[in-house]
All heavy atoms as atom14 arrays in JSON, in Angstrom:
{
  "sequence": "IREQLLLKKQQGQKVCVVDHYQEFCDTIWYIHTDEEIRIQRLMENRG",
  "atom14_mask": [
    [1, 1, 1, 1, 1, 1, 1, 1, 0, 0, 0, 0, 0, 0],
    [1, 1, 1, 1, 1, 1, 1, 1, 1, 1, 1, 0, 0, 0],
    [1, 1, 1, 1, 1, 1, 1, 1, 1, 0, 0, 0, 0, 0],
    [1, 1, 1, 1, 1, 1, 1, 1, 1, 0, 0, 0, 0, 0],
    [1, 1, 1, 1, 1, 1, 1, 1, 0, 0, 0, 0, 0, 0],
    [1, 1, 1, 1, 1, 1, 1, 1, 0, 0, 0, 0, 0, 0],
    [1, 1, 1, 1, 1, 1, 1, 1, 0, 0, 0, 0, 0, 0],
    [1, 1, 1, 1, 1, 1, 1, 1, 1, 0, 0, 0, 0, 0],
    [1, 1, 1, 1, 1, 1, 1, 1, 1, 0, 0, 0, 0, 0],
    [1, 1, 1, 1, 1, 1, 1, 1, 1, 0, 0, 0, 0, 0],
    [1, 1, 1, 1, 1, 1, 1, 1, 1, 0, 0, 0, 0, 0],
    [1, 1, 1, 1, 0, 0, 0, 0, 0, 0, 0, 0, 0, 0],
    [1, 1, 1, 1, 1, 1, 1, 1, 1, 0, 0, 0, 0, 0],
    [1, 1, 1, 1, 1, 1, 1, 1, 1, 0, 0, 0, 0, 0],
    [1, 1, 1, 1, 1, 1, 1, 0, 0, 0, 0, 0, 0, 0],
    [1, 1, 1, 1, 1, 1, 0, 0, 0, 0, 0, 0, 0, 0],
    [1, 1, 1, 1, 1, 1, 1, 0, 0, 0, 0, 0, 0, 0],
    [1, 1, 1, 1, 1, 1, 1, 0, 0, 0, 0, 0, 0, 0],
    [1, 1, 1, 1, 1, 1, 1, 1, 0, 0, 0, 0, 0, 0],
    [1, 1, 1, 1, 1, 1, 1, 1, 1, 1, 0, 0, 0, 0],
    [1, 1, 1, 1, 1, 1, 1, 1, 1, 1, 1, 1, 0, 0],
    [1, 1, 1, 1, 1, 1, 1, 1, 1, 0, 0, 0, 0, 0],
    [1, 1, 1, 1, 1, 1, 1, 1, 1, 0, 0, 0, 0, 0],
    [1, 1, 1, 1, 1, 1, 1, 1, 1, 1, 1, 0, 0, 0],
    [1, 1, 1, 1, 1, 1, 0, 0, 0, 0, 0, 0, 0, 0],
    [1, 1, 1, 1, 1, 1, 1, 1, 0, 0, 0, 0, 0, 0],
    [1, 1, 1, 1, 1, 1, 1, 0, 0, 0, 0, 0, 0, 0],
    [1, 1, 1, 1, 1, 1, 1, 1, 0, 0, 0, 0, 0, 0],
    [1, 1, 1, 1, 1, 1, 1, 1, 1, 1, 1, 1, 1, 1],
    [1, 1, 1, 1, 1, 1, 1, 1, 1, 1, 1, 1, 0, 0],
    [1, 1, 1, 1, 1, 1, 1, 1, 0, 0, 0, 0, 0, 0],
    [1, 1, 1, 1, 1, 1, 1, 1, 1, 1, 0, 0, 0, 0],
    [1, 1, 1, 1, 1, 1, 1, 0, 0, 0, 0, 0, 0, 0],
    [1, 1, 1, 1, 1, 1, 1, 1, 0, 0, 0, 0, 0, 0],
    [1, 1, 1, 1, 1, 1, 1, 1, 1, 0, 0, 0, 0, 0],
    [1, 1, 1, 1, 1, 1, 1, 1, 1, 0, 0, 0, 0, 0],
    [1, 1, 1, 1, 1, 1, 1, 1, 0, 0, 0, 0, 0, 0],
    [1, 1, 1, 1, 1, 1, 1, 1, 1, 1, 1, 0, 0, 0],
    [1, 1, 1, 1, 1, 1, 1, 1, 0, 0, 0, 0, 0, 0],
    [1, 1, 1, 1, 1, 1, 1, 1, 1, 0, 0, 0, 0, 0],
    [1, 1, 1, 1, 1, 1, 1, 1, 1, 1, 1, 0, 0, 0],
    [1, 1, 1, 1, 1, 1, 1, 1, 0, 0, 0, 0, 0, 0],
    [1, 1, 1, 1, 1, 1, 1, 1, 0, 0, 0, 0, 0, 0],
    [1, 1, 1, 1, 1, 1, 1, 1, 1, 0, 0, 0, 0, 0],
    [1, 1, 1, 1, 1, 1, 1, 1, 0, 0, 0, 0, 0, 0],
    [1, 1, 1, 1, 1, 1, 1, 1, 1, 1, 1, 0, 0, 0],
    [1, 1, 1, 1, 0, 0, 0, 0, 0, 0, 0, 0, 0, 0]
  ],
  "atom14_positions": [
    [[91.07, 88.97, 98.6], [91.57, 90.36, 98.63], [90.96, 91.09, 99.8], [91.68, 91.81, 100.53], [91.26, 91.08, 97.27], [92.14, 90.46, 96.17], [91.52, 92.57, 97.42], [91.74, 90.93, 94.77], [0.0, 0.0, 0.0], [0.0, 0.0, 0.0], [0.0, 0.0, 0.0], [0.0, 0.0, 0.0], [0.0, 0.0, 0.0], [0.0, 0.0, 0.0]],
    [[89.66, 90.97, 99.99], [89.03, 91.68, 101.13], [89.7, 91.28, 102.44], [90.0, 92.14, 103.29], [87.54, 91.3, 101.2], [86.66, 92.05, 100.27], [85.18, 91.76, 100.55], [84.4, 92.1, 99.36], [84.06, 91.28, 98.39], [84.39, 90.0, 98.41], [83.38, 91.69, 97.34], [0.0, 0.0, 0.0], [0.0, 0.0, 0.0], [0.0, 0.0, 0.0]],
    [[89.9, 89.99, 102.67], [90.54, 89.51, 103.87], [91.96, 90.06, 104.03], [92.32, 90.49, 105.12], [90.54, 87.99, 103.89], [89.14, 87.39, 104.0], [89.12, 85.9, 103.73], [90.17, 85.29, 103.46], [88.02, 85.31, 103.75], [0.0, 0.0, 0.0], [0.0, 0.0, 0.0], [0.0, 0.0, 0.0], [0.0, 0.0, 0.0], [0.0, 0.0, 0.0]],
    [[92.71, 90.06, 102.96], [94.1, 90.5, 103.03], [94.2, 92.02, 103.25], [95.06, 92.49, 104.0], [94.87, 90.13, 101.76], [95.16, 88.64, 101.67], [95.98, 88.12, 102.85], [97.07, 88.65, 103.13], [95.49, 87.15, 103.54], [0.0, 0.0, 0.0], [0.0, 0.0, 0.0], [0.0, 0.0, 0.0], [0.0, 0.0, 0.0], [0.0, 0.0, 0.0]],
    [[93.29, 92.79, 102.61], [93.33, 94.24, 102.79], [93.0, 94.6, 104.25], [93.6, 95.49, 104.82], [92.37, 94.92, 101.82], [92.79, 94.97, 100.37], [91.71, 95.54, 99.48], [94.11, 95.77, 100.2], [0.0, 0.0, 0.0], [0.0, 0.0, 0.0], [0.0, 0.0, 0.0], [0.0, 0.0, 0.0], [0.0, 0.0, 0.0], [0.0, 0.0, 0.0]],
    [[92.03, 93.94, 104.81], [91.68, 94.14, 106.21], [92.86, 93.83, 107.15], [93.21, 94.59, 108.02], [90.44, 93.32, 106.59], [89.97, 93.43, 108.05], [89.59, 94.87, 108.35], [88.79, 92.52, 108.29], [0.0, 0.0, 0.0], [0.0, 0.0, 0.0], [0.0, 0.0, 0.0], [0.0, 0.0, 0.0], [0.0, 0.0, 0.0], [0.0, 0.0, 0.0]],
    [[93.49, 92.66, 106.88], [94.64, 92.3, 107.66], [95.77, 93.3, 107.54], [96.35, 93.73, 108.56], [95.13, 90.91, 107.23], [96.39, 90.36, 107.89], [96.14, 90.15, 109.38], [96.82, 89.06, 107.23], [0.0, 0.0, 0.0], [0.0, 0.0, 0.0], [0.0, 0.0, 0.0], [0.0, 0.0, 0.0], [0.0, 0.0, 0.0], [0.0, 0.0, 0.0]],
    [[96.09, 93.74, 106.35], [97.18, 94.7, 106.12], [96.85, 96.05, 106.78], [97.73, 96.68, 107.33], [97.42, 94.9, 104.62], [97.88, 93.66, 103.88], [99.15, 93.09, 104.44], [99.57, 91.84, 103.67], [100.76, 91.2, 104.24], [0.0, 0.0, 0.0], [0.0, 0.0, 0.0], [0.0, 0.0, 0.0], [0.0, 0.0, 0.0], [0.0, 0.0, 0.0]],
    [[95.59, 96.45, 106.7], [95.19, 97.7, 107.36], [95.38, 97.58, 108.85], [95.91, 98.5, 109.5], [93.75, 98.04, 107.02], [93.29, 99.37, 107.51], [91.88, 99.7, 107.04], [91.48, 101.08, 107.49], [90.17, 101.47, 106.97], [0.0, 0.0, 0.0], [0.0, 0.0, 0.0], [0.0, 0.0, 0.0], [0.0, 0.0, 0.0], [0.0, 0.0, 0.0]],
    [[95.01, 96.47, 109.42], [95.14, 96.26, 110.88], [96.6, 96.24, 111.25], [96.98, 96.64, 112.37], [94.48, 94.92, 111.28], [93.0, 94.95, 111.21], [92.36, 93.59, 111.4], [93.01, 92.55, 111.32], [91.05, 93.57, 111.6], [0.0, 0.0, 0.0], [0.0, 0.0, 0.0], [0.0, 0.0, 0.0], [0.0, 0.0, 0.0], [0.0, 0.0, 0.0]],
    [[97.51, 95.8, 110.35], [98.9, 95.78, 110.6], [99.58, 97.14, 110.33], [100.78, 97.29, 110.53], [99.59, 94.72, 109.73], [99.18, 93.3, 110.11], [99.65, 92.25, 109.1], [100.11, 92.58, 107.97], [99.58, 91.01, 109.52], [0.0, 0.0, 0.0], [0.0, 0.0, 0.0], [0.0, 0.0, 0.0], [0.0, 0.0, 0.0], [0.0, 0.0, 0.0]],
    [[98.81, 98.12, 109.86], [99.35, 99.46, 109.67], [99.94, 99.72, 108.28], [100.52, 100.76, 108.05], [0.0, 0.0, 0.0], [0.0, 0.0, 0.0], [0.0, 0.0, 0.0], [0.0, 0.0, 0.0], [0.0, 0.0, 0.0], [0.0, 0.0, 0.0], [0.0, 0.0, 0.0], [0.0, 0.0, 0.0], [0.0, 0.0, 0.0], [0.0, 0.0, 0.0]],
    [[99.77, 98.78, 107.36], [100.27, 98.97, 106.02], [99.47, 100.04, 105.29], [98.23, 99.97, 105.32], [100.31, 97.64, 105.27], [101.0, 97.71, 103.93], [101.23, 96.35, 103.3], [101.45, 95.42, 104.04], [101.17, 96.28, 102.0], [0.0, 0.0, 0.0], [0.0, 0.0, 0.0], [0.0, 0.0, 0.0], [0.0, 0.0, 0.0], [0.0, 0.0, 0.0]],
    [[100.14, 100.96, 104.65], [99.44, 102.07, 103.99], [99.23, 101.87, 102.51], [98.33, 102.47, 101.93], [100.17, 103.39, 104.24], [100.19, 103.79, 105.68], [100.87, 105.11, 105.88], [100.83, 105.48, 107.35], [101.43, 106.76, 107.6], [0.0, 0.0, 0.0], [0.0, 0.0, 0.0], [0.0, 0.0, 0.0], [0.0, 0.0, 0.0], [0.0, 0.0, 0.0]],
    [[100.08, 101.09, 101.86], [99.98, 100.9, 100.4], [99.83, 99.41, 100.09], [100.6, 98.59, 100.57], [101.23, 101.45, 99.65], [101.14, 101.17, 98.15], [101.37, 102.94, 99.91], [0.0, 0.0, 0.0], [0.0, 0.0, 0.0], [0.0, 0.0, 0.0], [0.0, 0.0, 0.0], [0.0, 0.0, 0.0], [0.0, 0.0, 0.0], [0.0, 0.0, 0.0]],
    [[98.81, 99.07, 99.31], [98.61, 97.73, 98.83], [98.3, 97.83, 97.31], [97.57, 98.74, 96.92], [97.43, 97.04, 99.5], [97.73, 96.67, 101.26], [0.0, 0.0, 0.0], [0.0, 0.0, 0.0], [0.0, 0.0, 0.0], [0.0, 0.0, 0.0], [0.0, 0.0, 0.0], [0.0, 0.0, 0.0], [0.0, 0.0, 0.0], [0.0, 0.0, 0.0]],
    [[98.84, 96.93, 96.56], [98.58, 96.9, 95.1], [97.59, 95.79, 94.82], [97.8, 94.66, 95.21], [99.89, 96.68, 94.34], [99.6, 96.56, 92.84], [100.89, 97.78, 94.62], [0.0, 0.0, 0.0], [0.0, 0.0, 0.0], [0.0, 0.0, 0.0], [0.0, 0.0, 0.0], [0.0, 0.0, 0.0], [0.0, 0.0, 0.0], [0.0, 0.0, 0.0]],
    [[96.51, 96.14, 94.15], [95.47, 95.19, 93.75], [95.34, 95.28, 92.24], [95.04, 96.33, 91.7], [94.13, 95.5, 94.42], [93.07, 94.5, 93.99], [94.28, 95.5, 95.95], [0.0, 0.0, 0.0], [0.0, 0.0, 0.0], [0.0, 0.0, 0.0], [0.0, 0.0, 0.0], [0.0, 0.0, 0.0], [0.0, 0.0, 0.0], [0.0, 0.0, 0.0]],
    [[95.54, 94.15, 91.56], [95.53, 94.09, 90.12], [94.16, 93.64, 89.64], [93.63, 92.64, 90.06], [96.59, 93.13, 89.64], [96.85, 93.14, 88.17], [96.39, 94.11, 87.49], [97.55, 92.24, 87.7], [0.0, 0.0, 0.0], [0.0, 0.0, 0.0], [0.0, 0.0, 0.0], [0.0, 0.0, 0.0], [0.0, 0.0, 0.0], [0.0, 0.0, 0.0]],
    [[93.55, 94.41, 88.78], [92.27, 94.11, 88.08], [91.0, 94.33, 88.86], [89.92, 94.0, 88.39], [92.29, 92.66, 87.57], [93.31, 92.39, 86.54], [93.37, 92.99, 85.32], [94.41, 91.57, 86.57], [94.37, 92.54, 84.62], [95.01, 91.7, 85.35], [0.0, 0.0, 0.0], [0.0, 0.0, 0.0], [0.0, 0.0, 0.0], [0.0, 0.0, 0.0]],
    [[91.07, 94.82, 90.08], [89.87, 95.01, 90.86], [89.79, 96.4, 91.42], [90.11, 96.64, 92.6], [89.76, 93.96, 92.02], [89.6, 92.56, 91.55], [90.65, 91.67, 91.45], [88.32, 92.1, 91.18], [90.47, 90.38, 91.01], [88.13, 90.81, 90.74], [89.21, 89.96, 90.68], [89.04, 88.66, 90.25], [0.0, 0.0, 0.0], [0.0, 0.0, 0.0]],
    [[89.38, 97.36, 90.61], [89.39, 98.74, 91.02], [88.43, 99.06, 92.17], [88.59, 100.02, 92.85], [89.15, 99.66, 89.85], [87.74, 99.66, 89.29], [87.66, 100.52, 88.06], [88.46, 100.4, 87.12], [86.68, 101.42, 88.03], [0.0, 0.0, 0.0], [0.0, 0.0, 0.0], [0.0, 0.0, 0.0], [0.0, 0.0, 0.0], [0.0, 0.0, 0.0]],
    [[87.45, 98.19, 92.38], [86.49, 98.42, 93.48], [87.17, 98.47, 94.84], [86.59, 99.03, 95.8], [85.4, 97.37, 93.47], [85.91, 96.0, 93.83], [85.03, 94.84, 93.31], [85.04, 94.65, 92.1], [84.39, 94.22, 94.14], [0.0, 0.0, 0.0], [0.0, 0.0, 0.0], [0.0, 0.0, 0.0], [0.0, 0.0, 0.0], [0.0, 0.0, 0.0]],
    [[88.37, 97.94, 94.95], [89.08, 97.94, 96.24], [90.08, 99.1, 96.35], [90.76, 99.19, 97.36], [89.87, 96.61, 96.38], [89.01, 95.41, 96.41], [89.02, 94.5, 95.36], [88.2, 95.14, 97.49], [88.24, 93.37, 95.37], [87.4, 93.99, 97.5], [87.41, 93.09, 96.46], [0.0, 0.0, 0.0], [0.0, 0.0, 0.0], [0.0, 0.0, 0.0]],
    [[90.15, 99.94, 95.35], [91.28, 100.88, 95.23], [90.87, 102.33, 95.45], [89.81, 102.75, 95.02], [91.93, 100.75, 93.87], [92.59, 99.08, 93.57], [0.0, 0.0, 0.0], [0.0, 0.0, 0.0], [0.0, 0.0, 0.0], [0.0, 0.0, 0.0], [0.0, 0.0, 0.0], [0.0, 0.0, 0.0], [0.0, 0.0, 0.0], [0.0, 0.0, 0.0]],
    [[91.78, 103.07, 96.05], [91.6, 104.51, 96.19], [92.06, 105.24, 94.95], [91.53, 106.31, 94.63], [92.4, 105.04, 97.41], [91.87, 104.46, 98.72], [90.64, 104.33, 98.9], [92.73, 104.1, 99.57], [0.0, 0.0, 0.0], [0.0, 0.0, 0.0], [0.0, 0.0, 0.0], [0.0, 0.0, 0.0], [0.0, 0.0, 0.0], [0.0, 0.0, 0.0]],
    [[93.08, 104.73, 94.28], [93.54, 105.29, 93.03], [93.76, 104.15, 92.03], [94.09, 103.04, 92.43], [94.88, 106.11, 93.16], [95.89, 105.24, 93.62], [94.7, 107.28, 94.1], [0.0, 0.0, 0.0], [0.0, 0.0, 0.0], [0.0, 0.0, 0.0], [0.0, 0.0, 0.0], [0.0, 0.0, 0.0], [0.0, 0.0, 0.0], [0.0, 0.0, 0.0]],
    [[93.61, 104.46, 90.76], [93.79, 103.5, 89.7], [95.0, 103.86, 88.88], [95.13, 104.97, 88.36], [92.57, 103.46, 88.76], [91.26, 103.25, 89.56], [92.74, 102.38, 87.69], [91.2, 101.98, 90.37], [0.0, 0.0, 0.0], [0.0, 0.0, 0.0], [0.0, 0.0, 0.0], [0.0, 0.0, 0.0], [0.0, 0.0, 0.0], [0.0, 0.0, 0.0]],
    [[95.95, 102.92, 88.82], [97.17, 103.11, 88.02], [97.1, 102.2, 86.79], [96.58, 101.08, 86.86], [98.39, 102.72, 88.83], [98.74, 103.65, 89.93], [97.88, 104.55, 90.59], [99.97, 103.78, 90.59], [98.55, 105.19, 91.58], [99.85, 104.73, 91.6], [101.2, 103.17, 90.42], [100.9, 105.09, 92.44], [102.24, 103.49, 91.23], [102.1, 104.47, 92.22]],
    [[97.63, 102.69, 85.72], [97.74, 101.88, 84.5], [99.26, 101.67, 84.28], [100.0, 102.66, 84.14], [97.1, 102.58, 83.3], [97.42, 101.95, 81.97], [97.26, 100.59, 81.77], [97.82, 102.73, 80.89], [97.56, 100.0, 80.51], [98.09, 102.18, 79.68], [97.97, 100.81, 79.48], [98.23, 100.28, 78.26], [0.0, 0.0, 0.0], [0.0, 0.0, 0.0]],
    [[99.66, 100.45, 84.24], [101.05, 100.11, 83.9], [101.11, 99.8, 82.43], [100.64, 98.75, 82.01], [101.58, 98.92, 84.73], [101.24, 99.09, 86.23], [103.06, 98.72, 84.47], [101.85, 100.34, 86.89], [0.0, 0.0, 0.0], [0.0, 0.0, 0.0], [0.0, 0.0, 0.0], [0.0, 0.0, 0.0], [0.0, 0.0, 0.0], [0.0, 0.0, 0.0]],
    [[101.62, 100.75, 81.63], [101.66, 100.59, 80.19], [102.97, 99.93, 79.72], [104.05, 100.29, 80.18], [101.56, 101.94, 79.49], [101.87, 101.87, 78.02], [100.96, 101.41, 77.1], [103.05, 102.1, 77.34], [101.53, 101.39, 75.9], [102.76, 101.8, 76.01], [0.0, 0.0, 0.0], [0.0, 0.0, 0.0], [0.0, 0.0, 0.0], [0.0, 0.0, 0.0]],
    [[102.83, 98.96, 78.81], [103.95, 98.37, 78.19], [103.58, 98.23, 76.69], [102.46, 97.8, 76.36], [104.26, 96.95, 78.74], [104.47, 97.07, 80.16], [105.54, 96.36, 78.14], [0.0, 0.0, 0.0], [0.0, 0.0, 0.0], [0.0, 0.0, 0.0], [0.0, 0.0, 0.0], [0.0, 0.0, 0.0], [0.0, 0.0, 0.0], [0.0, 0.0, 0.0]],
    [[104.47, 98.65, 75.79], [104.21, 98.54, 74.37], [103.85, 97.11, 74.01], [104.39, 96.14, 74.61], [105.42, 98.97, 73.56], [105.7, 100.47, 73.64], [104.8, 101.22, 74.07], [106.82, 100.88, 73.3], [0.0, 0.0, 0.0], [0.0, 0.0, 0.0], [0.0, 0.0, 0.0], [0.0, 0.0, 0.0], [0.0, 0.0, 0.0], [0.0, 0.0, 0.0]],
    [[102.96, 96.95, 73.05], [102.44, 95.62, 72.71], [103.51, 94.62, 72.36], [103.48, 93.48, 72.81], [101.42, 95.72, 71.58], [100.76, 94.39, 71.28], [99.61, 94.48, 70.3], [98.84, 95.47, 70.39], [99.5, 93.59, 69.49], [0.0, 0.0, 0.0], [0.0, 0.0, 0.0], [0.0, 0.0, 0.0], [0.0, 0.0, 0.0], [0.0, 0.0, 0.0]],
    [[104.47, 94.99, 71.55], [105.52, 94.04, 71.17], [106.33, 93.53, 72.36], [106.67, 92.38, 72.45], [106.42, 94.6, 70.08], [107.41, 93.6, 69.53], [106.74, 92.35, 68.94], [105.67, 92.43, 68.32], [107.35, 91.28, 69.06], [0.0, 0.0, 0.0], [0.0, 0.0, 0.0], [0.0, 0.0, 0.0], [0.0, 0.0, 0.0], [0.0, 0.0, 0.0]],
    [[106.56, 94.41, 73.29], [107.32, 94.04, 74.52], [106.44, 93.1, 75.33], [106.94, 92.09, 75.89], [107.73, 95.3, 75.32], [108.75, 96.11, 74.51], [108.27, 94.89, 76.69], [109.07, 97.47, 75.11], [0.0, 0.0, 0.0], [0.0, 0.0, 0.0], [0.0, 0.0, 0.0], [0.0, 0.0, 0.0], [0.0, 0.0, 0.0], [0.0, 0.0, 0.0]],
    [[105.15, 93.37, 75.43], [104.22, 92.47, 76.14], [104.26, 91.1, 75.55], [104.32, 90.07, 76.26], [102.82, 93.06, 76.14], [102.68, 94.31, 76.96], [101.35, 94.98, 76.77], [100.23, 94.17, 77.27], [98.97, 94.38, 76.96], [98.63, 95.36, 76.15], [98.04, 93.6, 77.46], [0.0, 0.0, 0.0], [0.0, 0.0, 0.0], [0.0, 0.0, 0.0]],
    [[104.2, 91.05, 74.21], [104.22, 89.75, 73.52], [105.51, 89.01, 73.84], [105.48, 87.82, 74.21], [104.06, 89.94, 71.98], [102.67, 90.46, 71.65], [104.38, 88.64, 71.26], [102.5, 90.96, 70.22], [0.0, 0.0, 0.0], [0.0, 0.0, 0.0], [0.0, 0.0, 0.0], [0.0, 0.0, 0.0], [0.0, 0.0, 0.0], [0.0, 0.0, 0.0]],
    [[106.62, 89.68, 73.76], [107.93, 89.05, 74.04], [108.02, 88.55, 75.48], [108.49, 87.47, 75.75], [109.09, 90.0, 73.72], [109.25, 90.33, 72.25], [109.54, 89.04, 71.46], [110.28, 88.2, 71.82], [108.81, 88.93, 70.32], [0.0, 0.0, 0.0], [0.0, 0.0, 0.0], [0.0, 0.0, 0.0], [0.0, 0.0, 0.0], [0.0, 0.0, 0.0]],
    [[107.49, 89.34, 76.41], [107.51, 88.95, 77.84], [106.67, 87.71, 78.09], [107.03, 86.85, 78.84], [107.11, 90.11, 78.76], [108.15, 91.2, 78.8], [107.71, 92.34, 79.65], [108.72, 93.4, 79.68], [108.52, 94.62, 80.23], [107.37, 94.91, 80.77], [109.52, 95.46, 80.2], [0.0, 0.0, 0.0], [0.0, 0.0, 0.0], [0.0, 0.0, 0.0]],
    [[105.49, 87.68, 77.46], [104.62, 86.48, 77.61], [105.3, 85.24, 77.05], [105.27, 84.17, 77.63], [103.26, 86.71, 76.92], [102.27, 87.62, 77.63], [101.12, 87.99, 76.73], [101.79, 86.97, 78.9], [0.0, 0.0, 0.0], [0.0, 0.0, 0.0], [0.0, 0.0, 0.0], [0.0, 0.0, 0.0], [0.0, 0.0, 0.0], [0.0, 0.0, 0.0]],
    [[105.99, 85.4, 75.89], [106.65, 84.29, 75.27], [107.83, 83.82, 76.15], [107.99, 82.61, 76.38], [107.12, 84.65, 73.88], [105.96, 84.87, 72.89], [106.45, 85.62, 71.3], [107.64, 84.44, 70.69], [0.0, 0.0, 0.0], [0.0, 0.0, 0.0], [0.0, 0.0, 0.0], [0.0, 0.0, 0.0], [0.0, 0.0, 0.0], [0.0, 0.0, 0.0]],
    [[108.59, 84.74, 76.67], [109.77, 84.41, 77.45], [109.45, 83.92, 78.86], [109.97, 82.93, 79.33], [110.72, 85.64, 77.55], [111.37, 85.99, 76.25], [112.06, 87.35, 76.29], [112.25, 87.92, 77.41], [112.42, 87.87, 75.23], [0.0, 0.0, 0.0], [0.0, 0.0, 0.0], [0.0, 0.0, 0.0], [0.0, 0.0, 0.0], [0.0, 0.0, 0.0]],
    [[108.51, 84.62, 79.53], [108.24, 84.33, 80.93], [107.22, 83.19, 81.14], [107.28, 82.51, 82.16], [107.72, 85.57, 81.65], [108.76, 86.69, 81.65], [109.94, 86.43, 81.6], [108.3, 87.91, 81.75], [0.0, 0.0, 0.0], [0.0, 0.0, 0.0], [0.0, 0.0, 0.0], [0.0, 0.0, 0.0], [0.0, 0.0, 0.0], [0.0, 0.0, 0.0]],
    [[106.35, 83.0, 80.19], [105.32, 81.98, 80.35], [105.42, 80.84, 79.33], [104.65, 79.88, 79.38], [103.91, 82.61, 80.31], [103.71, 83.58, 81.4], [102.27, 83.95, 81.58], [102.12, 84.97, 82.61], [101.01, 85.62, 82.8], [99.93, 85.36, 82.1], [100.95, 86.54, 83.73], [0.0, 0.0, 0.0], [0.0, 0.0, 0.0], [0.0, 0.0, 0.0]],
    [[106.3, 81.01, 78.38], [106.51, 79.97, 77.38], [105.39, 79.9, 76.35], [105.23, 78.93, 75.67], [0.0, 0.0, 0.0], [0.0, 0.0, 0.0], [0.0, 0.0, 0.0], [0.0, 0.0, 0.0], [0.0, 0.0, 0.0], [0.0, 0.0, 0.0], [0.0, 0.0, 0.0], [0.0, 0.0, 0.0], [0.0, 0.0, 0.0], [0.0, 0.0, 0.0]]
  ]
}
């Protein structure tokens, strides 16, 4: 992640999404999904 963020910054990219590592982030977003929907998505998408 460190390497990619440096590369993206050098390339002029202004927004990068980093999942689970808030130490790299300027703002923290929570993507909420109701539990039953999460369960169904895990079952469907990951088997």
